[in-house]
């Protein structure tokens, strides 16, 4: 028996460093081919059981609704918020949601950029 066996070195464990991620941009601008993109996703997810007008496709089955919305969120980088999921009843509702552009900015930024009366000015201190 060898007494001088090397003891396994202890692995140095350090706490993972916490890095603050950059602020996420919430802005969204619909792509040019949004309607054809959405139609192709609806046809892939729902298959041959589509009504003649694909926008009338009901989103009643939660599994298929989730699959469709997850694909669109990944491709377009913009997800339907939980507070609006119940409003997505048909494919046309999803199209309406994704047609709406979203500006990333605060109300103060909007006011600073707006035409204000001459007696009202917004000055940023940096």
N, C-alpha and C. Protein backbone atom coordinates (compact mmCIF):
# COMPACT_ATOMS: atom_id res chain seq x y z
N UNK A 1 0.86 -1.17 0.00
CA UNK A 1 0.00 0.00 0.00
C UNK A 1 0.89 1.22 0.00
N UNK A 2 0.63 2.07 -0.91
CA UNK A 2 1.46 3.25 -1.04
C UNK A 2 0.87 4.39 -0.22
N UNK A 3 1.63 4.88 0.72
CA UNK A 3 1.13 5.92 1.62
C UNK A 3 1.21 7.29 0.99
N UNK A 4 2.02 7.38 -0.03
CA UNK A 4 2.22 8.71 -0.63
C UNK A 4 1.27 8.96 -1.80
N UNK A 5 0.15 8.27 -1.81
CA UNK A 5 -0.79 8.50 -2.91
C UNK A 5 -1.21 9.96 -2.92
N UNK A 6 -1.20 10.51 -4.07
CA UNK A 6 -1.58 11.92 -4.19
C UNK A 6 -3.07 12.06 -3.91
N UNK A 7 -3.37 12.91 -2.99
CA UNK A 7 -4.78 13.18 -2.69
C UNK A 7 -5.35 13.96 -3.86
N UNK A 8 -6.56 13.61 -4.27
CA UNK A 8 -7.14 14.37 -5.38
C UNK A 8 -7.25 15.84 -5.01
N UNK A 9 -6.83 16.66 -5.94
CA UNK A 9 -6.87 18.10 -5.67
C UNK A 9 -8.32 18.56 -5.58
N UNK A 10 -8.54 19.42 -4.63
CA UNK A 10 -9.89 19.96 -4.48
C UNK A 10 -10.15 20.93 -5.63
N UNK A 11 -11.31 20.78 -6.20
CA UNK A 11 -11.67 21.71 -7.26
C UNK A 11 -11.98 23.05 -6.64
N UNK A 12 -11.45 24.05 -7.26
CA UNK A 12 -11.73 25.38 -6.76
C UNK A 12 -13.09 25.80 -7.27
N UNK A 13 -13.97 26.04 -6.37
CA UNK A 13 -15.31 26.48 -6.78
C UNK A 13 -15.47 27.94 -6.39
N UNK A 14 -15.83 28.68 -7.34
CA UNK A 14 -16.09 30.09 -7.05
C UNK A 14 -17.56 30.35 -7.34
N UNK A 15 -18.07 31.29 -6.66
CA UNK A 15 -19.46 31.67 -6.90
C UNK A 15 -19.56 32.24 -8.31
N UNK A 16 -20.61 31.90 -9.01
CA UNK A 16 -20.74 32.48 -10.35
C UNK A 16 -20.89 33.99 -10.24
N UNK A 17 -20.17 34.68 -11.08
CA UNK A 17 -20.26 36.14 -11.02
C UNK A 17 -21.57 36.58 -11.65
N UNK A 18 -22.19 37.51 -11.02
CA UNK A 18 -23.46 38.03 -11.52
C UNK A 18 -23.18 39.23 -12.39
N UNK A 19 -23.58 39.12 -13.62
CA UNK A 19 -23.39 40.21 -14.56
C UNK A 19 -24.76 40.73 -14.95
N UNK A 20 -24.92 42.00 -14.81
CA UNK A 20 -26.20 42.60 -15.16
C UNK A 20 -26.34 42.59 -16.68
N UNK A 21 -27.40 41.96 -17.19
CA UNK A 21 -27.58 41.94 -18.64
C UNK A 21 -27.95 43.33 -19.15
N UNK A 22 -27.65 43.59 -20.41
CA UNK A 22 -28.05 44.89 -20.95
C UNK A 22 -29.57 44.98 -20.99
N UNK A 23 -30.09 46.19 -20.86
CA UNK A 23 -31.55 46.32 -20.89
C UNK A 23 -32.10 45.78 -22.21
N UNK A 24 -33.19 45.05 -22.09
CA UNK A 24 -33.80 44.43 -23.26
C UNK A 24 -34.63 45.47 -24.01
N UNK A 25 -34.44 45.52 -25.28
CA UNK A 25 -35.24 46.44 -26.07
C UNK A 25 -36.61 45.83 -26.30
N UNK A 26 -37.62 46.59 -26.04
CA UNK A 26 -38.98 46.09 -26.22
C UNK A 26 -39.58 46.57 -27.53
N UNK A 27 -38.79 47.27 -28.31
CA UNK A 27 -39.34 47.79 -29.56
C UNK A 27 -39.53 46.66 -30.56
N UNK A 28 -40.54 46.80 -31.37
CA UNK A 28 -40.87 45.79 -32.38
C UNK A 28 -41.49 46.49 -33.57
N UNK A 29 -41.00 46.15 -34.75
CA UNK A 29 -41.57 46.67 -35.98
C UNK A 29 -41.90 45.47 -36.86
N UNK A 30 -43.15 45.37 -37.31
CA UNK A 30 -43.57 44.19 -38.09
C UNK A 30 -42.77 44.06 -39.39
N UNK A 31 -42.39 42.84 -39.74
CA UNK A 31 -41.69 42.64 -41.01
C UNK A 31 -42.63 42.82 -42.20
N UNK A 32 -42.04 43.03 -43.37
CA UNK A 32 -42.83 43.24 -44.59
C UNK A 32 -43.71 42.03 -44.92
N UNK A 33 -43.15 40.84 -44.74
CA UNK A 33 -43.86 39.61 -45.13
C UNK A 33 -44.59 38.96 -43.96
N UNK A 34 -45.08 39.77 -43.04
CA UNK A 34 -45.71 39.24 -41.82
C UNK A 34 -46.87 38.31 -42.13
N UNK A 35 -47.75 38.71 -43.02
CA UNK A 35 -48.95 37.92 -43.29
C UNK A 35 -48.58 36.55 -43.87
N UNK A 36 -47.67 36.50 -44.82
CA UNK A 36 -47.29 35.20 -45.40
C UNK A 36 -46.53 34.36 -44.39
N UNK A 37 -45.72 35.00 -43.55
CA UNK A 37 -44.99 34.28 -42.50
C UNK A 37 -45.97 33.63 -41.53
N UNK A 38 -46.94 34.41 -41.07
CA UNK A 38 -47.92 33.90 -40.12
C UNK A 38 -48.77 32.80 -40.76
N UNK A 39 -49.16 33.01 -42.02
CA UNK A 39 -49.97 32.00 -42.70
C UNK A 39 -49.22 30.68 -42.81
N UNK A 40 -47.93 30.73 -43.13
CA UNK A 40 -47.16 29.48 -43.26
C UNK A 40 -47.04 28.78 -41.91
N UNK A 41 -46.86 29.55 -40.83
CA UNK A 41 -46.78 28.93 -39.49
C UNK A 41 -48.13 28.30 -39.11
N UNK A 42 -49.22 28.99 -39.41
CA UNK A 42 -50.55 28.45 -39.09
C UNK A 42 -50.76 27.15 -39.87
N UNK A 43 -50.38 27.12 -41.14
CA UNK A 43 -50.55 25.91 -41.95
C UNK A 43 -49.68 24.76 -41.44
N UNK A 44 -48.46 25.07 -40.97
CA UNK A 44 -47.58 24.03 -40.42
C UNK A 44 -48.15 23.45 -39.14
N UNK A 45 -48.61 24.32 -38.24
CA UNK A 45 -49.07 23.87 -36.92
C UNK A 45 -50.41 23.16 -37.00
N UNK A 46 -51.35 23.72 -37.76
CA UNK A 46 -52.72 23.18 -37.77
C UNK A 46 -52.96 22.17 -38.88
N UNK A 47 -52.05 22.09 -39.84
CA UNK A 47 -52.16 21.06 -40.87
C UNK A 47 -53.35 21.27 -41.79
N UNK A 48 -53.91 20.17 -42.31
CA UNK A 48 -54.97 20.26 -43.33
C UNK A 48 -56.34 20.64 -42.78
N UNK A 49 -56.48 20.77 -41.48
CA UNK A 49 -57.80 21.05 -40.90
C UNK A 49 -58.14 22.54 -40.88
N UNK A 50 -57.51 23.33 -41.74
CA UNK A 50 -57.75 24.78 -41.75
C UNK A 50 -59.04 25.13 -42.46
N UNK A 51 -59.72 26.18 -41.98
CA UNK A 51 -60.85 26.70 -42.75
C UNK A 51 -60.34 27.37 -44.04
N UNK A 52 -61.26 27.68 -44.93
CA UNK A 52 -60.87 28.29 -46.21
C UNK A 52 -60.09 29.58 -45.97
N UNK A 53 -60.58 30.43 -45.07
CA UNK A 53 -59.87 31.65 -44.70
C UNK A 53 -59.01 31.32 -43.49
N UNK A 54 -57.69 31.24 -43.68
CA UNK A 54 -56.80 30.81 -42.60
C UNK A 54 -56.88 31.71 -41.37
N UNK A 55 -57.26 32.99 -41.55
CA UNK A 55 -57.35 33.90 -40.41
C UNK A 55 -58.48 33.54 -39.46
N UNK A 56 -59.42 32.73 -39.94
CA UNK A 56 -60.54 32.30 -39.08
C UNK A 56 -60.21 31.02 -38.31
N UNK A 57 -58.99 30.53 -38.40
CA UNK A 57 -58.59 29.31 -37.70
C UNK A 57 -58.73 29.52 -36.20
N UNK A 58 -59.56 28.73 -35.52
CA UNK A 58 -59.73 28.91 -34.07
C UNK A 58 -58.50 28.39 -33.31
N UNK A 59 -58.14 29.09 -32.25
CA UNK A 59 -57.01 28.69 -31.41
C UNK A 59 -57.53 28.13 -30.09
N UNK A 60 -58.44 27.16 -30.18
CA UNK A 60 -59.06 26.62 -28.97
C UNK A 60 -58.19 25.59 -28.29
N UNK A 61 -57.46 24.80 -29.05
CA UNK A 61 -56.62 23.76 -28.45
C UNK A 61 -55.32 24.41 -27.96
N UNK A 62 -55.14 24.42 -26.64
CA UNK A 62 -54.02 25.15 -26.04
C UNK A 62 -52.65 24.66 -26.51
N UNK A 63 -52.53 23.37 -26.77
CA UNK A 63 -51.24 22.82 -27.20
C UNK A 63 -50.83 23.42 -28.55
N UNK A 64 -51.78 23.48 -29.48
CA UNK A 64 -51.48 24.04 -30.80
C UNK A 64 -51.31 25.55 -30.73
N UNK A 65 -52.10 26.20 -29.90
CA UNK A 65 -51.98 27.65 -29.72
C UNK A 65 -50.59 27.99 -29.19
N UNK A 66 -50.13 27.22 -28.19
CA UNK A 66 -48.80 27.45 -27.62
C UNK A 66 -47.71 27.22 -28.66
N UNK A 67 -47.86 26.15 -29.43
CA UNK A 67 -46.85 25.85 -30.46
C UNK A 67 -46.75 26.99 -31.47
N UNK A 68 -47.89 27.49 -31.91
CA UNK A 68 -47.90 28.59 -32.88
C UNK A 68 -47.28 29.85 -32.29
N UNK A 69 -47.72 30.24 -31.10
CA UNK A 69 -47.22 31.48 -30.49
C UNK A 69 -45.74 31.38 -30.14
N UNK A 70 -45.28 30.20 -29.72
CA UNK A 70 -43.85 30.02 -29.40
C UNK A 70 -42.99 30.15 -30.65
N UNK A 71 -43.45 29.57 -31.76
CA UNK A 71 -42.70 29.69 -33.02
C UNK A 71 -42.62 31.14 -33.46
N UNK A 72 -43.74 31.84 -33.37
CA UNK A 72 -43.74 33.24 -33.81
C UNK A 72 -42.87 34.11 -32.91
N UNK A 73 -42.92 33.86 -31.60
CA UNK A 73 -42.10 34.64 -30.66
C UNK A 73 -40.62 34.42 -30.96
N UNK A 74 -40.23 33.18 -31.25
CA UNK A 74 -38.83 32.90 -31.55
C UNK A 74 -38.40 33.54 -32.87
N UNK A 75 -39.24 33.47 -33.87
CA UNK A 75 -38.87 34.00 -35.18
C UNK A 75 -38.89 35.52 -35.23
N UNK A 76 -39.91 36.12 -34.60
CA UNK A 76 -40.08 37.57 -34.71
C UNK A 76 -39.44 38.33 -33.55
N UNK A 77 -39.03 37.62 -32.50
CA UNK A 77 -38.41 38.29 -31.35
C UNK A 77 -39.39 39.14 -30.56
N UNK A 78 -40.64 38.77 -30.59
CA UNK A 78 -41.68 39.55 -29.91
C UNK A 78 -42.78 38.57 -29.50
N UNK A 79 -43.02 38.47 -28.19
CA UNK A 79 -43.98 37.48 -27.70
C UNK A 79 -45.27 38.15 -27.25
N UNK A 80 -46.35 37.41 -27.36
CA UNK A 80 -47.64 37.88 -26.85
C UNK A 80 -47.56 37.83 -25.33
N UNK A 81 -47.79 38.96 -24.64
CA UNK A 81 -47.72 38.93 -23.17
C UNK A 81 -48.84 38.09 -22.56
N UNK A 82 -48.58 37.57 -21.37
CA UNK A 82 -49.56 36.73 -20.69
C UNK A 82 -50.91 37.43 -20.56
N UNK A 83 -50.87 38.74 -20.34
CA UNK A 83 -52.12 39.47 -20.13
C UNK A 83 -52.99 39.54 -21.38
N UNK A 84 -52.43 39.19 -22.55
CA UNK A 84 -53.20 39.25 -23.79
C UNK A 84 -53.45 37.88 -24.41
N UNK A 85 -52.97 36.82 -23.78
CA UNK A 85 -53.13 35.48 -24.36
C UNK A 85 -54.60 35.12 -24.56
N UNK A 86 -55.45 35.52 -23.63
CA UNK A 86 -56.87 35.16 -23.74
C UNK A 86 -57.56 35.86 -24.91
N UNK A 87 -56.95 36.93 -25.43
CA UNK A 87 -57.53 37.65 -26.56
C UNK A 87 -57.19 36.99 -27.90
N UNK A 88 -56.26 36.05 -27.89
CA UNK A 88 -55.85 35.36 -29.12
C UNK A 88 -56.77 34.16 -29.34
N UNK A 89 -57.93 34.43 -29.94
CA UNK A 89 -58.93 33.37 -30.15
C UNK A 89 -58.85 32.77 -31.55
N UNK A 90 -58.39 33.56 -32.50
CA UNK A 90 -58.28 33.11 -33.90
C UNK A 90 -56.92 33.58 -34.45
N UNK A 91 -56.54 32.99 -35.56
CA UNK A 91 -55.27 33.37 -36.19
C UNK A 91 -55.28 34.85 -36.57
N UNK A 92 -56.44 35.39 -36.91
CA UNK A 92 -56.54 36.82 -37.25
C UNK A 92 -56.21 37.72 -36.06
N UNK A 93 -56.54 37.27 -34.84
CA UNK A 93 -56.18 38.05 -33.65
C UNK A 93 -54.67 38.11 -33.48
N UNK A 94 -54.00 36.99 -33.78
CA UNK A 94 -52.54 36.95 -33.68
C UNK A 94 -51.94 37.87 -34.74
N UNK A 95 -52.50 37.86 -35.94
CA UNK A 95 -52.03 38.75 -37.00
C UNK A 95 -52.19 40.21 -36.56
N UNK A 96 -53.32 40.55 -35.96
CA UNK A 96 -53.54 41.92 -35.48
C UNK A 96 -52.52 42.32 -34.43
N UNK A 97 -52.18 41.40 -33.53
CA UNK A 97 -51.18 41.69 -32.49
C UNK A 97 -49.83 41.96 -33.13
N UNK A 98 -49.41 41.09 -34.04
CA UNK A 98 -48.08 41.24 -34.64
C UNK A 98 -48.01 42.36 -35.67
N UNK A 99 -49.13 42.90 -36.11
CA UNK A 99 -49.11 44.05 -37.03
C UNK A 99 -48.84 45.36 -36.29
N UNK A 100 -49.04 45.35 -34.97
CA UNK A 100 -48.91 46.57 -34.19
C UNK A 100 -47.46 46.83 -33.81
N UNK A 101 -46.85 47.93 -34.29
CA UNK A 101 -45.47 48.23 -33.89
C UNK A 101 -45.42 48.69 -32.43
N UNK A 102 -44.28 48.44 -31.78
CA UNK A 102 -44.10 48.82 -30.38
C UNK A 102 -42.87 49.70 -30.29
N UNK A 103 -43.03 50.89 -29.72
CA UNK A 103 -41.90 51.80 -29.54
C UNK A 103 -41.31 51.57 -28.16
N UNK A 104 -39.99 51.59 -28.08
CA UNK A 104 -39.30 51.42 -26.80
C UNK A 104 -38.88 52.79 -26.30
N UNK A 105 -39.60 53.30 -25.37
CA UNK A 105 -39.26 54.61 -24.83
C UNK A 105 -40.22 54.97 -23.72
N UNK A 106 -39.82 55.92 -22.93
CA UNK A 106 -40.68 56.33 -21.82
C UNK A 106 -41.55 57.50 -22.26
N UNK A 107 -42.50 57.82 -21.44
CA UNK A 107 -43.38 58.96 -21.74
C UNK A 107 -42.57 60.26 -21.75
N UNK A 108 -41.55 60.34 -20.89
CA UNK A 108 -40.72 61.55 -20.86
C UNK A 108 -39.98 61.70 -22.19
N UNK A 109 -39.46 60.59 -22.74
CA UNK A 109 -38.79 60.65 -24.04
C UNK A 109 -39.76 61.12 -25.12
N UNK A 110 -40.98 60.61 -25.07
CA UNK A 110 -41.98 61.02 -26.05
C UNK A 110 -42.29 62.50 -25.92
N UNK A 111 -42.43 62.98 -24.68
CA UNK A 111 -42.71 64.40 -24.47
C UNK A 111 -41.55 65.27 -24.96
N UNK A 112 -40.32 64.83 -24.69
CA UNK A 112 -39.15 65.61 -25.10
C UNK A 112 -39.09 65.73 -26.62
N UNK A 113 -39.53 64.71 -27.33
CA UNK A 113 -39.49 64.73 -28.79
C UNK A 113 -40.71 65.41 -29.41
N UNK A 114 -41.75 65.63 -28.63
CA UNK A 114 -42.99 66.18 -29.17
C UNK A 114 -42.89 67.69 -29.34
N UNK A 115 -43.80 68.22 -30.14
CA UNK A 115 -43.92 69.68 -30.27
C UNK A 115 -44.61 70.19 -29.03
N UNK A 116 -43.88 70.91 -28.22
CA UNK A 116 -44.42 71.43 -26.96
C UNK A 116 -44.69 72.92 -27.09
N UNK A 117 -45.59 73.43 -26.28
CA UNK A 117 -45.80 74.89 -26.27
C UNK A 117 -44.50 75.59 -25.86
N UNK A 118 -44.33 76.84 -26.27
CA UNK A 118 -43.06 77.53 -26.00
C UNK A 118 -42.76 77.71 -24.50
N UNK A 119 -43.78 77.66 -23.65
CA UNK A 119 -43.54 77.85 -22.23
C UNK A 119 -43.22 76.53 -21.50
N UNK A 120 -43.12 75.43 -22.23
CA UNK A 120 -42.83 74.13 -21.62
C UNK A 120 -41.62 73.51 -22.28
N UNK A 121 -40.60 73.22 -21.46
CA UNK A 121 -39.38 72.62 -21.99
C UNK A 121 -38.97 71.47 -21.09
N UNK A 122 -38.44 70.43 -21.70
CA UNK A 122 -37.92 69.30 -20.94
C UNK A 122 -36.41 69.28 -21.15
N UNK A 123 -35.67 69.34 -20.03
CA UNK A 123 -34.21 69.37 -20.09
C UNK A 123 -33.68 68.17 -19.30
N UNK A 124 -32.85 67.38 -19.95
CA UNK A 124 -32.25 66.22 -19.29
C UNK A 124 -30.95 66.63 -18.62
N UNK A 125 -30.76 66.23 -17.38
CA UNK A 125 -29.48 66.44 -16.70
C UNK A 125 -28.70 65.15 -16.78
N UNK A 126 -27.44 65.24 -17.19
CA UNK A 126 -26.65 64.01 -17.32
C UNK A 126 -25.45 64.01 -16.44
